[in-house]
Amino acid sequence: MTNGLGPENQLTEDQLKFGYWFVTHKPQLKRVLVIFLIVINSLIWLFVLYRLTRLYLIDYNRHRAMVRQASQNLINPEVLEARRPRSLDLKQAVVLDAGSGRYDLSAVIFNPNREWYATFSYLFRGEAVTTPLRQSYILPGQEKIISELAFGSEARLRGVRLEIKEIEWKRVDRHQVADTTQFVADRTNFVVSDAVFTPPDPAVKDGPSKATFSITNATAYGYWAMDVTVVLYRGSAIAGVNRVQLAGLESGERRQAEVTWFEKLPNITKVEVRPEVNIFDESVYMAPRREDRE
């Protein structure tokens, strides 16, 4: 007599024994599985607690200590101070009577930095008097005369001083300019000659004084415009200041110019001519002529 199952579906004696053992020990196996899962879960939580404890009590404090140490080592106040541009040197302002209730104000400034140039705004301020805000620049190592000419004031100016506003320092890019001193010298090689002061003609009432001079652009560059400040001295004191702009001064060109004063001037002993171009402004350069390119 058979059980109706094919040979491939009949259970062996070992399988029957295992099935009987599994059924009779099922509650014990369930408890073992639960205990095993509890142990695994406990181990996972112990690991998590260990990592949190290490992170917040050990690694965090060590990380903060490393950050503080790195900050102390990397940020050296002396190095930062040495790399910061030094302030401009300003000399006392000079007030000159230009006649008819007008005054010429000027002051000498000096940039002590060899690797920094600056653009800035400036004004002159006196007792209850302030001139309009103007813009200017100064090259590395340059001494420059800042002025406000023919400023009208009903009262005589007293306690006048130059004030620099909104200064913006720019460091010379050493990747583009290897030697700043040579770079400036090559682009500001302007030769001044025949600077002469001529007092007014005694035969002409209220005739003007004038200073004539020549400038040769001895650089390899042409400039669309060049500002020229002319300073008159009586001994070591400034006795007169004026400005003129020369347009389109090409490389190698020699240009004659003059400036005039209509106010009465003292005995002049020296004429100083100061050509000025912002060589760090690309817009000041003239394009080379075709024959120069060829």
Protein backbone atom coordinates (compact mmCIF):
# COMPACT_ATOMS: atom_id res chain seq x y z
CA MET A 1 0.00 0.00 0.00
CA THR A 2 1.33 3.41 -0.96
CA ASN A 3 0.63 6.93 0.29
CA GLY A 4 -0.20 8.20 -3.20
CA LEU A 5 3.01 10.31 -3.57
CA GLY A 6 5.55 9.83 -6.27
CA PRO A 7 9.07 8.76 -5.38
CA GLU A 8 10.36 12.28 -5.84
CA ASN A 9 7.84 13.67 -3.25
CA GLN A 10 8.26 11.06 -0.52
CA LEU A 11 10.06 12.15 2.73
CA THR A 12 13.00 10.21 4.05
CA GLU A 13 13.24 9.03 7.61
CA ASP A 14 15.85 11.75 8.43
CA GLN A 15 13.61 14.45 7.10
CA LEU A 16 10.74 13.18 9.18
CA LYS A 17 12.91 13.13 12.28
CA PHE A 18 14.13 16.72 11.63
CA GLY A 19 10.60 17.89 11.09
CA TYR A 20 9.44 16.29 14.34
CA TRP A 21 12.42 17.85 16.21
CA PHE A 22 11.77 21.30 14.73
CA VAL A 23 8.09 21.21 15.65
CA THR A 24 8.77 20.10 19.21
CA HIS A 25 11.64 22.65 19.74
CA LYS A 26 10.03 25.60 17.94
CA PRO A 27 9.45 27.68 21.11
CA GLN A 28 13.08 27.20 22.22
CA LEU A 29 14.36 28.16 18.74
CA LYS A 30 12.22 31.27 18.81
CA ARG A 31 13.70 32.32 22.16
CA VAL A 32 17.26 31.72 20.85
CA LEU A 33 16.54 33.89 17.77
CA VAL A 34 15.15 36.69 19.95
CA ILE A 35 18.19 36.54 22.26
CA PHE A 36 20.52 36.61 19.23
CA LEU A 37 18.79 39.68 17.78
CA ILE A 38 18.90 41.41 21.17
CA VAL A 39 22.63 40.74 21.42
CA ILE A 40 23.26 42.07 17.87
CA ASN A 41 21.12 45.15 18.55
CA SER A 42 22.95 45.79 21.83
CA LEU A 43 26.31 45.52 20.11
CA ILE A 44 25.20 48.03 17.47
CA TRP A 45 24.04 50.52 20.10
CA LEU A 46 27.24 50.04 22.07
CA PHE A 47 29.21 50.87 18.92
CA VAL A 48 27.07 53.95 18.26
CA LEU A 49 27.51 55.16 21.85
CA TYR A 50 31.25 54.57 21.58
CA ARG A 51 31.51 56.63 18.37
CA LEU A 52 29.39 59.45 19.79
CA THR A 53 31.45 59.50 22.98
CA ARG A 54 34.69 59.58 20.98
CA LEU A 55 33.38 62.24 18.62
CA TYR A 56 32.13 64.69 21.27
CA LEU A 57 34.51 64.02 24.15
CA ILE A 58 37.77 63.14 22.43
CA ASP A 59 37.91 63.97 18.71
CA TYR A 60 35.96 67.25 19.01
CA ASN A 61 38.27 68.69 21.65
CA ARG A 62 41.30 67.48 19.71
CA HIS A 63 39.93 69.10 16.53
CA ARG A 64 39.36 72.42 18.29
CA ALA A 65 42.86 72.31 19.70
CA MET A 66 44.26 71.66 16.21
CA VAL A 67 42.26 74.58 14.76
CA ARG A 68 43.50 76.93 17.48
CA GLN A 69 47.06 75.79 16.96
CA ALA A 70 46.80 76.16 13.18
CA SER A 71 45.36 79.66 13.55
CA GLN A 72 48.15 80.70 15.87
CA ASN A 73 50.78 79.29 13.54
CA LEU A 74 49.38 80.59 10.24
CA ILE A 75 48.21 84.08 11.21
CA ASN A 76 51.30 86.02 12.16
CA PRO A 77 50.39 89.65 12.98
CA GLU A 78 53.91 90.83 12.21
CA VAL A 79 53.82 89.26 8.76
CA LEU A 80 50.40 90.75 8.03
CA GLU A 81 51.55 94.18 9.15
CA ALA A 82 54.68 93.96 7.00
CA ARG A 83 52.61 93.06 3.89
CA ARG A 84 50.08 95.83 4.44
CA PRO A 85 50.69 99.08 2.47
CA ARG A 86 52.02 101.96 4.53
CA SER A 87 50.03 105.18 4.68
CA LEU A 88 50.77 108.11 2.40
CA ASP A 89 53.04 110.81 3.76
CA LEU A 90 51.28 114.18 3.67
CA LYS A 91 53.07 117.51 4.07
CA GLN A 92 51.46 120.70 5.25
CA ALA A 93 49.19 122.37 2.71
CA VAL A 94 50.28 125.62 1.06
CA VAL A 95 47.79 128.42 0.36
CA LEU A 96 48.70 130.96 -2.34
CA ASP A 97 46.73 134.10 -3.10
CA ALA A 98 45.65 133.93 -6.77
CA GLY A 99 43.94 137.35 -6.69
CA SER A 100 40.31 138.41 -7.05
CA GLY A 101 39.22 136.35 -4.03
CA ARG A 102 40.73 133.14 -5.36
CA TYR A 103 43.38 130.86 -3.90
CA ASP A 104 45.65 128.07 -5.12
CA LEU A 105 45.90 125.24 -2.59
CA SER A 106 48.54 122.53 -2.83
CA ALA A 107 50.22 119.84 -0.76
CA VAL A 108 53.00 117.34 -1.38
CA ILE A 109 52.23 113.66 -0.83
CA PHE A 110 54.58 110.67 -1.02
CA ASN A 111 53.89 106.96 -1.50
CA PRO A 112 56.51 105.02 0.52
CA ASN A 113 55.39 101.68 -0.92
CA ARG A 114 57.44 100.15 -3.73
CA GLU A 115 54.91 97.45 -4.65
CA TRP A 116 51.63 99.31 -4.11
CA TYR A 117 49.85 102.08 -6.03
CA ALA A 118 46.60 103.77 -5.09
CA THR A 119 43.59 105.64 -6.40
CA PHE A 120 41.86 108.01 -4.01
CA SER A 121 39.64 111.02 -3.51
CA TYR A 122 40.83 114.17 -1.79
CA LEU A 123 39.78 117.61 -0.63
CA PHE A 124 41.21 120.57 1.24
CA ARG A 125 39.53 121.63 4.46
CA GLY A 126 40.02 124.85 6.38
CA GLU A 127 38.15 126.95 8.90
CA ALA A 128 34.52 126.70 7.67
CA VAL A 129 35.78 125.99 4.13
CA THR A 130 35.86 122.72 2.16
CA THR A 131 36.89 122.30 -1.47
CA PRO A 132 35.08 119.93 -3.87
CA LEU A 133 36.00 116.25 -3.76
CA ARG A 134 38.50 115.33 -6.50
CA GLN A 135 40.01 112.06 -7.73
CA SER A 136 43.66 111.23 -8.25
CA TYR A 137 46.22 108.42 -8.09
CA ILE A 138 49.79 107.86 -6.98
CA LEU A 139 52.37 105.42 -8.34
CA PRO A 140 54.73 103.24 -6.28
CA GLY A 141 57.46 105.38 -4.71
CA GLN A 142 56.05 108.56 -6.25
CA GLU A 143 56.11 112.05 -4.79
CA LYS A 144 53.21 114.09 -6.09
CA ILE A 145 51.73 117.55 -5.70
CA ILE A 146 47.97 117.60 -5.11
CA SER A 147 46.28 120.92 -5.79
CA GLU A 148 43.01 122.82 -6.00
CA LEU A 149 43.51 125.87 -8.22
CA ALA A 150 41.57 129.14 -8.30
CA PHE A 151 39.33 128.21 -5.38
CA GLY A 152 36.99 131.07 -4.61
CA SER A 153 36.56 132.24 -1.00
CA GLU A 154 35.37 135.57 0.40
CA ALA A 155 37.36 135.03 3.60
CA ARG A 156 41.09 134.46 3.80
CA LEU A 157 41.80 130.75 4.16
CA ARG A 158 43.20 129.59 7.49
CA GLY A 159 44.14 126.22 8.93
CA VAL A 160 43.95 124.48 5.55
CA ARG A 161 44.89 120.80 5.40
CA LEU A 162 44.71 118.08 2.79
CA GLU A 163 42.41 115.13 3.51
CA ILE A 164 42.63 111.82 1.65
CA LYS A 165 39.32 109.98 1.24
CA GLU A 166 38.28 106.57 -0.11
CA ILE A 167 41.77 105.34 -0.85
CA GLU A 168 42.02 102.03 -2.71
CA TRP A 169 45.38 100.27 -2.59
CA LYS A 170 46.37 97.88 -5.39
CA ARG A 171 49.39 95.60 -5.23
CA VAL A 172 51.49 95.29 -8.37
CA ASP A 173 51.00 91.83 -9.88
CA ARG A 174 54.42 90.18 -9.68
CA HIS A 175 53.38 87.64 -12.33
CA GLN A 176 53.03 90.49 -14.84
CA VAL A 177 55.63 92.92 -13.47
CA ALA A 178 58.88 91.32 -12.31
CA ASP A 179 60.59 94.58 -11.30
CA THR A 180 58.23 97.38 -10.26
CA THR A 181 60.95 100.05 -10.06
CA GLN A 182 62.12 99.30 -13.60
CA PHE A 183 58.54 99.06 -14.85
CA VAL A 184 57.75 102.56 -13.55
CA ALA A 185 61.05 104.00 -14.82
CA ASP A 186 60.53 102.59 -18.33
CA ARG A 187 57.06 104.11 -18.64
CA THR A 188 57.72 107.51 -17.02
CA ASN A 189 60.96 108.41 -18.78
CA PHE A 190 59.94 111.95 -19.71
CA VAL A 191 62.82 114.36 -20.31
CA VAL A 192 62.11 117.96 -19.29
CA SER A 193 64.31 120.68 -20.75
CA ASP A 194 64.45 124.47 -21.24
CA ALA A 195 62.24 125.22 -18.22
CA VAL A 196 62.23 129.00 -17.95
CA PHE A 197 60.16 131.45 -15.89
CA THR A 198 59.38 134.78 -17.50
CA PRO A 199 58.04 137.57 -15.24
CA PRO A 200 55.40 139.97 -16.59
CA ASP A 201 56.41 142.65 -19.06
CA PRO A 202 56.81 145.91 -17.09
CA ALA A 203 55.36 147.81 -20.04
CA VAL A 204 52.11 145.85 -19.86
CA LYS A 205 49.75 146.62 -16.99
CA ASP A 206 48.65 143.48 -15.15
CA GLY A 207 50.51 141.35 -17.68
CA PRO A 208 50.86 137.61 -17.02
CA SER A 209 53.88 135.66 -15.87
CA LYS A 210 54.64 132.42 -17.66
CA ALA A 211 56.75 129.33 -17.50
CA THR A 212 57.83 127.64 -20.73
CA PHE A 213 59.36 124.19 -21.08
CA SER A 214 59.84 121.22 -23.39
CA ILE A 215 59.00 117.59 -22.72
CA THR A 216 60.35 114.62 -24.68
CA ASN A 217 58.56 111.29 -24.37
CA ALA A 218 61.62 109.03 -24.16
CA THR A 219 59.53 105.93 -23.42
CA ALA A 220 58.55 103.21 -25.88
CA TYR A 221 54.88 104.10 -25.39
CA GLY A 222 52.53 106.75 -26.69
CA TYR A 223 50.03 108.36 -24.28
CA TRP A 224 46.65 109.81 -25.08
CA ALA A 225 47.00 112.48 -22.39
CA MET A 226 49.66 113.61 -19.96
CA ASP A 227 49.04 115.90 -16.98
CA VAL A 228 51.88 118.29 -16.21
CA THR A 229 52.16 120.16 -12.91
CA VAL A 230 54.43 123.21 -12.93
CA VAL A 231 55.72 124.43 -9.57
CA LEU A 232 57.46 127.75 -8.99
CA TYR A 233 59.80 128.17 -6.02
CA ARG A 234 61.20 131.10 -4.16
CA GLY A 235 64.13 129.48 -2.45
CA SER A 236 62.74 126.25 -0.98
CA ALA A 237 59.16 127.57 -0.62
CA ILE A 238 56.40 126.97 -3.17
CA ALA A 239 55.42 130.30 -4.72
CA GLY A 240 53.16 129.17 -7.56
CA VAL A 241 51.40 126.06 -8.89
CA ASN A 242 49.69 125.49 -12.23
CA ARG A 243 48.70 122.61 -14.50
CA VAL A 244 48.45 121.85 -18.18
CA GLN A 245 47.44 118.73 -20.10
CA LEU A 246 49.28 117.55 -23.20
CA ALA A 247 47.21 115.44 -25.60
CA GLY A 248 48.46 112.63 -27.80
CA LEU A 249 52.17 112.51 -26.89
CA GLU A 250 53.71 109.77 -29.00
CA SER A 251 56.86 107.80 -28.27
CA GLY A 252 59.95 109.89 -29.04
CA GLU A 253 57.94 113.11 -29.53
CA ARG A 254 59.19 116.44 -28.16
CA ARG A 255 56.54 118.95 -27.17
CA GLN A 256 56.82 122.60 -26.09
CA ALA A 257 54.29 124.03 -23.63
CA GLU A 258 53.67 126.95 -21.34
CA VAL A 259 51.50 127.91 -18.38
CA THR A 260 50.60 131.40 -17.19
CA TRP A 261 49.88 133.21 -13.91
CA PHE A 262 47.93 136.47 -13.74
CA GLU A 263 48.50 137.13 -10.04
CA LYS A 264 51.53 138.95 -8.69
CA LEU A 265 54.37 136.56 -7.90
CA PRO A 266 57.50 137.01 -5.81
CA ASN A 267 61.01 136.64 -7.17
CA ILE A 268 61.10 133.12 -8.64
CA THR A 269 64.35 131.16 -8.28
CA LYS A 270 63.38 127.73 -9.70
CA VAL A 271 60.90 126.12 -12.06
CA GLU A 272 59.95 122.47 -11.53
CA VAL A 273 58.02 120.50 -14.16
CA ARG A 274 56.33 117.25 -13.08
CA PRO A 275 54.82 115.08 -15.88
CA GLU A 276 52.27 112.51 -14.62
CA VAL A 277 50.62 109.48 -16.25
CA ASN A 278 48.80 106.62 -14.55
CA ILE A 279 50.80 103.85 -16.20
CA PHE A 280 48.66 101.16 -14.52
CA ASP A 281 45.58 102.33 -16.45
CA GLU A 282 45.53 100.52 -19.80
CA SER A 283 43.31 103.20 -21.35
CA VAL A 284 46.10 105.83 -21.29
CA TYR A 285 48.23 103.99 -23.88
CA MET A 286 48.02 104.81 -27.57
CA ALA A 287 47.89 101.88 -29.97
CA PRO A 288 51.17 101.41 -31.88
CA ARG A 289 51.18 102.89 -35.37
CA ARG A 290 51.14 100.51 -38.33
CA GLU A 291 54.80 101.17 -39.22
CA ASP A 292 55.77 100.49 -35.59
CA ARG A 293 54.02 97.12 -35.69
CA GLU A 294 55.67 96.24 -38.97
